[in-house]
């Protein structure tokens, strides 16, 4: 199955910067004005995911809003797959509360090749779990008979399938044969 992985556009975390938004609530962040423009420009690229039979999005706001723009000019179905969510810096959902803590968890994740280690600041989601979770989603589309899908998701998710050492640009896309 051909998978078009597309990273979401630029989020505006200032909208969720108040103390009442912590942990998963940060994922309510919408796109910036620039992020909207990037998504619109990508939507105008008719070759971006040409041949995809369906567009599937992560449930996070930044991915959903990006997907909404991308699907506007295409006559394909649009679905949300919960398992496409971003890497979790705190699988307990109880320990992490700030953006700084998320950054610390991500730093440790990178330093330890995505493996949890004794003394980790937070119990983050391991790299292998991210890949298996997303593979389960991709398998479900393969089992439904899809030959080509577009997936709007997140950098850490994409990096489990695409070997790239640099950051992925907003709305950057990759083709992966799954």
C-alpha atoms as a PDB file:
ATOM      1  CA  UNK A   1       0.000   0.000   0.000  1.00  0.00           C
ATOM      2  CA  UNK A   2       1.315   3.435  -0.913  1.00  0.00           C
ATOM      3  CA  UNK A   3       1.248   5.859   2.022  1.00  0.00           C
ATOM      4  CA  UNK A   4       1.634   9.600   1.556  1.00  0.00           C
ATOM      5  CA  UNK A   5       2.824  10.834   4.955  1.00  0.00           C
ATOM      6  CA  UNK A   6       2.208  14.574   5.379  1.00  0.00           C
ATOM      7  CA  UNK A   7       3.279  16.490   8.452  1.00  0.00           C
ATOM      8  CA  UNK A   8       0.708  18.902   9.874  1.00  0.00           C
ATOM      9  CA  UNK A   9       1.139  22.641   9.360  1.00  0.00           C
ATOM     10  CA  UNK A  10       2.441  25.195  11.889  1.00  0.00           C
ATOM     11  CA  UNK A  11       0.560  25.154  15.237  1.00  0.00           C
ATOM     12  CA  UNK A  12      -0.089  28.180  17.435  1.00  0.00           C
ATOM     13  CA  UNK A  13       0.712  27.072  20.969  1.00  0.00           C
ATOM     14  CA  UNK A  14       0.125  30.586  22.303  1.00  0.00           C
ATOM     15  CA  UNK A  15      -3.604  29.756  22.201  1.00  0.00           C
ATOM     16  CA  UNK A  16      -3.066  27.038  24.808  1.00  0.00           C
ATOM     17  CA  UNK A  17      -0.343  28.712  26.873  1.00  0.00           C
ATOM     18  CA  UNK A  18      -2.465  29.506  29.934  1.00  0.00           C
ATOM     19  CA  UNK A  19      -2.077  27.335  33.042  1.00  0.00           C
ATOM     20  CA  UNK A  20      -5.489  25.771  32.431  1.00  0.00           C
ATOM     21  CA  UNK A  21      -4.089  24.041  29.319  1.00  0.00           C
ATOM     22  CA  UNK A  22      -1.553  21.375  30.232  1.00  0.00           C
ATOM     23  CA  UNK A  23      -0.717  17.857  29.148  1.00  0.00           C
ATOM     24  CA  UNK A  24      -2.998  16.679  26.337  1.00  0.00           C
ATOM     25  CA  UNK A  25      -4.820  20.041  26.325  1.00  0.00           C
ATOM     26  CA  UNK A  26      -1.823  21.516  24.474  1.00  0.00           C
ATOM     27  CA  UNK A  27      -2.914  19.409  21.523  1.00  0.00           C
ATOM     28  CA  UNK A  28      -5.961  21.672  21.119  1.00  0.00           C
ATOM     29  CA  UNK A  29      -3.643  24.275  19.524  1.00  0.00           C
ATOM     30  CA  UNK A  30      -4.960  25.470  16.146  1.00  0.00           C
ATOM     31  CA  UNK A  31      -2.773  26.537  13.239  1.00  0.00           C
ATOM     32  CA  UNK A  32      -1.102  29.935  13.075  1.00  0.00           C
ATOM     33  CA  UNK A  33      -2.139  32.283  10.267  1.00  0.00           C
ATOM     34  CA  UNK A  34       1.110  31.285   8.549  1.00  0.00           C
ATOM     35  CA  UNK A  35       0.230  27.626   9.143  1.00  0.00           C
ATOM     36  CA  UNK A  36      -3.124  28.145   7.435  1.00  0.00           C
ATOM     37  CA  UNK A  37      -1.376  29.694   4.436  1.00  0.00           C
ATOM     38  CA  UNK A  38       1.102  26.797   4.262  1.00  0.00           C
ATOM     39  CA  UNK A  39      -1.776  24.294   4.337  1.00  0.00           C
ATOM     40  CA  UNK A  40      -3.652  26.220   1.634  1.00  0.00           C
ATOM     41  CA  UNK A  41      -0.537  26.275  -0.574  1.00  0.00           C
ATOM     42  CA  UNK A  42      -0.099  22.532  -0.109  1.00  0.00           C
ATOM     43  CA  UNK A  43      -3.757  21.976  -0.919  1.00  0.00           C
ATOM     44  CA  UNK A  44      -3.241  23.730  -4.260  1.00  0.00           C
ATOM     45  CA  UNK A  45      -0.535  21.191  -5.191  1.00  0.00           C
ATOM     46  CA  UNK A  46      -2.597  18.620  -7.083  1.00  0.00           C
ATOM     47  CA  UNK A  47       0.318  16.175  -7.110  1.00  0.00           C
ATOM     48  CA  UNK A  48       0.802  16.258  -3.329  1.00  0.00           C
ATOM     49  CA  UNK A  49      -0.958  12.944  -2.793  1.00  0.00           C
ATOM     50  CA  UNK A  50      -2.194  12.149  -6.272  1.00  0.00           C
ATOM     51  CA  UNK A  51      -3.869   8.765  -6.448  1.00  0.00           C
ATOM     52  CA  UNK A  52      -4.694   8.546  -2.746  1.00  0.00           C
ATOM     53  CA  UNK A  53      -8.067   6.922  -2.195  1.00  0.00           C
ATOM     54  CA  UNK A  54      -8.666   8.434   1.237  1.00  0.00           C
ATOM     55  CA  UNK A  55      -7.159  11.085   3.518  1.00  0.00           C
ATOM     56  CA  UNK A  56      -6.717   9.978   7.126  1.00  0.00           C
ATOM     57  CA  UNK A  57      -5.778  12.350   9.943  1.00  0.00           C
ATOM     58  CA  UNK A  58      -4.441  12.253  13.458  1.00  0.00           C
ATOM     59  CA  UNK A  59      -7.093  13.415  15.949  1.00  0.00           C
ATOM     60  CA  UNK A  60      -4.971  16.373  17.128  1.00  0.00           C
ATOM     61  CA  UNK A  61      -6.246  19.821  16.155  1.00  0.00           C
ATOM     62  CA  UNK A  62      -3.129  20.830  14.196  1.00  0.00           C
ATOM     63  CA  UNK A  63      -3.426  17.719  12.007  1.00  0.00           C
ATOM     64  CA  UNK A  64      -7.212  17.932  11.648  1.00  0.00           C
ATOM     65  CA  UNK A  65      -7.103  21.571  10.588  1.00  0.00           C
ATOM     66  CA  UNK A  66      -4.330  20.820   8.091  1.00  0.00           C
ATOM     67  CA  UNK A  67      -6.277  17.855   6.700  1.00  0.00           C
ATOM     68  CA  UNK A  68      -9.409  19.993   6.350  1.00  0.00           C
ATOM     69  CA  UNK A  69      -7.520  22.334   4.014  1.00  0.00           C
ATOM     70  CA  UNK A  70      -5.843  19.502   2.101  1.00  0.00           C
ATOM     71  CA  UNK A  71      -9.079  17.650   1.395  1.00  0.00           C
ATOM     72  CA  UNK A  72     -10.980  20.764   0.215  1.00  0.00           C
ATOM     73  CA  UNK A  73      -9.884  20.507  -3.422  1.00  0.00           C
ATOM     74  CA  UNK A  74     -10.109  16.734  -3.692  1.00  0.00           C
ATOM     75  CA  UNK A  75     -12.990  14.346  -4.114  1.00  0.00           C
ATOM     76  CA  UNK A  76     -11.846  11.723  -1.610  1.00  0.00           C
ATOM     77  CA  UNK A  77     -13.185  10.599   1.763  1.00  0.00           C
ATOM     78  CA  UNK A  78     -11.697  11.983   4.968  1.00  0.00           C
ATOM     79  CA  UNK A  79     -11.405  10.006   8.203  1.00  0.00           C
ATOM     80  CA  UNK A  80      -9.814  10.401  11.615  1.00  0.00           C
ATOM     81  CA  UNK A  81      -7.720   7.569  13.052  1.00  0.00           C
ATOM     82  CA  UNK A  82      -7.019   7.946  16.762  1.00  0.00           C
ATOM     83  CA  UNK A  83      -3.893   5.786  16.513  1.00  0.00           C
ATOM     84  CA  UNK A  84      -2.168   8.393  14.336  1.00  0.00           C
ATOM     85  CA  UNK A  85      -1.720  10.756  17.275  1.00  0.00           C
ATOM     86  CA  UNK A  86       1.700  12.184  18.066  1.00  0.00           C
ATOM     87  CA  UNK A  87       4.268  10.541  20.310  1.00  0.00           C
ATOM     88  CA  UNK A  88       3.257  10.799  23.969  1.00  0.00           C
ATOM     89  CA  UNK A  89       5.826  12.415  26.275  1.00  0.00           C
ATOM     90  CA  UNK A  90       3.930  11.062  29.314  1.00  0.00           C
ATOM     91  CA  UNK A  91       2.000   7.815  28.865  1.00  0.00           C
ATOM     92  CA  UNK A  92       0.611   8.069  32.390  1.00  0.00           C
ATOM     93  CA  UNK A  93      -1.083  11.368  31.574  1.00  0.00           C
ATOM     94  CA  UNK A  94      -0.405  12.435  35.153  1.00  0.00           C
ATOM     95  CA  UNK A  95       3.187  13.621  35.370  1.00  0.00           C
ATOM     96  CA  UNK A  96       3.753  16.115  32.593  1.00  0.00           C
ATOM     97  CA  UNK A  97       2.231  19.568  32.803  1.00  0.00           C
ATOM     98  CA  UNK A  98       4.306  22.117  30.914  1.00  0.00           C
ATOM     99  CA  UNK A  99       5.834  22.665  27.486  1.00  0.00           C
ATOM    100  CA  UNK A 100       9.266  22.662  29.125  1.00  0.00           C
ATOM    101  CA  UNK A 101       8.624  19.203  30.550  1.00  0.00           C
ATOM    102  CA  UNK A 102       7.538  17.989  27.097  1.00  0.00           C
ATOM    103  CA  UNK A 103      10.791  19.322  25.664  1.00  0.00           C
ATOM    104  CA  UNK A 104      12.778  17.528  28.381  1.00  0.00           C
ATOM    105  CA  UNK A 105      10.982  14.239  27.673  1.00  0.00           C
ATOM    106  CA  UNK A 106      11.607  14.667  23.931  1.00  0.00           C
ATOM    107  CA  UNK A 107      15.291  15.415  24.543  1.00  0.00           C
ATOM    108  CA  UNK A 108      15.614  12.201  26.562  1.00  0.00           C
ATOM    109  CA  UNK A 109      13.642  10.282  23.913  1.00  0.00           C
ATOM    110  CA  UNK A 110      16.135  11.407  21.246  1.00  0.00           C
ATOM    111  CA  UNK A 111      19.212  10.867  23.420  1.00  0.00           C
ATOM    112  CA  UNK A 112      18.161   7.280  24.176  1.00  0.00           C
ATOM    113  CA  UNK A 113      17.023   6.349  20.658  1.00  0.00           C
ATOM    114  CA  UNK A 114      13.384   6.291  21.680  1.00  0.00           C
ATOM    115  CA  UNK A 115      13.876   3.767  24.457  1.00  0.00           C
ATOM    116  CA  UNK A 116      12.754   4.329  28.018  1.00  0.00           C
ATOM    117  CA  UNK A 117      15.620   4.150  30.500  1.00  0.00           C
ATOM    118  CA  UNK A 118      16.026   3.975  34.269  1.00  0.00           C
ATOM    119  CA  UNK A 119      16.013   7.527  35.587  1.00  0.00           C
ATOM    120  CA  UNK A 120      13.941   8.999  32.741  1.00  0.00           C
ATOM    121  CA  UNK A 121      12.197  12.206  33.816  1.00  0.00           C
ATOM    122  CA  UNK A 122       8.873  10.950  32.429  1.00  0.00           C
ATOM    123  CA  UNK A 123       7.445   7.639  31.296  1.00  0.00           C
ATOM    124  CA  UNK A 124       7.263   8.540  27.605  1.00  0.00           C
ATOM    125  CA  UNK A 125       6.022   6.411  24.737  1.00  0.00           C
ATOM    126  CA  UNK A 126       8.826   4.334  23.277  1.00  0.00           C
ATOM    127  CA  UNK A 127       9.739   4.494  19.594  1.00  0.00           C
ATOM    128  CA  UNK A 128       8.758   0.857  18.949  1.00  0.00           C
ATOM    129  CA  UNK A 129       5.325   1.455  20.465  1.00  0.00           C
ATOM    130  CA  UNK A 130       4.756   4.472  18.209  1.00  0.00           C
ATOM    131  CA  UNK A 131       5.651   2.428  15.132  1.00  0.00           C
ATOM    132  CA  UNK A 132       3.444  -0.507  16.171  1.00  0.00           C
ATOM    133  CA  UNK A 133       0.499   1.773  17.000  1.00  0.00           C
ATOM    134  CA  UNK A 134       0.677   3.476  13.607  1.00  0.00           C
ATOM    135  CA  UNK A 135       1.292   0.167  11.819  1.00  0.00           C
ATOM    136  CA  UNK A 136      -1.954  -1.105  13.338  1.00  0.00           C
ATOM    137  CA  UNK A 137      -3.759   1.860  11.765  1.00  0.00           C
ATOM    138  CA  UNK A 138      -2.092   1.318   8.389  1.00  0.00           C
ATOM    139  CA  UNK A 139      -2.901  -2.407   8.551  1.00  0.00           C
ATOM    140  CA  UNK A 140      -6.574  -1.579   9.068  1.00  0.00           C
ATOM    141  CA  UNK A 141      -6.648   0.451   5.835  1.00  0.00           C
ATOM    142  CA  UNK A 142      -4.784  -2.269   3.962  1.00  0.00           C
ATOM    143  CA  UNK A 143      -7.318  -4.835   5.233  1.00  0.00           C
ATOM    144  CA  UNK A 144     -10.151  -2.599   4.013  1.00  0.00           C
ATOM    145  CA  UNK A 145      -8.690  -2.848   0.517  1.00  0.00           C
ATOM    146  CA  UNK A 146      -7.034   0.542   0.122  1.00  0.00           C
ATOM    147  CA  UNK A 147      -4.017   0.642  -2.187  1.00  0.00           C
ATOM    148  CA  UNK A 148      -3.053   4.274  -1.554  1.00  0.00           C
ATOM    149  CA  UNK A 149      -3.768   6.549   1.406  1.00  0.00           C
ATOM    150  CA  UNK A 150      -2.736  10.041   2.506  1.00  0.00           C
ATOM    151  CA  UNK A 151      -1.956  10.404   6.209  1.00  0.00           C
ATOM    152  CA  UNK A 152      -1.744  13.767   7.991  1.00  0.00           C
ATOM    153  CA  UNK A 153       0.178  13.257  11.192  1.00  0.00           C
ATOM    154  CA  UNK A 154       3.290  14.253  13.133  1.00  0.00           C
ATOM    155  CA  UNK A 155       7.059  14.383  12.867  1.00  0.00           C
ATOM    156  CA  UNK A 156       7.849  11.598  15.347  1.00  0.00           C
ATOM    157  CA  UNK A 157       5.247   9.354  13.705  1.00  0.00           C
ATOM    158  CA  UNK A 158       6.651   9.943  10.219  1.00  0.00           C
ATOM    159  CA  UNK A 159      10.225   9.363  11.396  1.00  0.00           C
ATOM    160  CA  UNK A 160       9.312   5.818  12.452  1.00  0.00           C
ATOM    161  CA  UNK A 161       8.844   4.978   8.761  1.00  0.00           C
ATOM    162  CA  UNK A 162      11.019   7.487   6.898  1.00  0.00           C
ATOM    163  CA  UNK A 163      14.753   7.528   7.644  1.00  0.00           C
ATOM    164  CA  UNK A 164      15.487  11.236   8.023  1.00  0.00           C
ATOM    165  CA  UNK A 165      17.819  12.883  10.531  1.00  0.00           C
ATOM    166  CA  UNK A 166      16.627  16.469  10.118  1.00  0.00           C
ATOM    167  CA  UNK A 167      13.423  18.144  11.217  1.00  0.00           C
ATOM    168  CA  UNK A 168      10.471  17.713   8.892  1.00  0.00           C
ATOM    169  CA  UNK A 169       9.002  20.932   7.515  1.00  0.00           C
ATOM    170  CA  UNK A 170       5.357  21.783   8.040  1.00  0.00           C
ATOM    171  CA  UNK A 171       3.250  20.096   5.330  1.00  0.00           C
ATOM    172  CA  UNK A 172       6.296  18.268   4.008  1.00  0.00           C
ATOM    173  CA  UNK A 173       5.303  14.956   2.444  1.00  0.00           C
ATOM    174  CA  UNK A 174       6.928  11.578   1.936  1.00  0.00           C
ATOM    175  CA  UNK A 175       5.876   8.514  -0.016  1.00  0.00           C
ATOM    176  CA  UNK A 176       6.270   5.202   1.773  1.00  0.00           C
ATOM    177  CA  UNK A 177       5.540   1.734   0.409  1.00  0.00           C
ATOM    178  CA  UNK A 178       3.858  -0.111   3.274  1.00  0.00           C
END
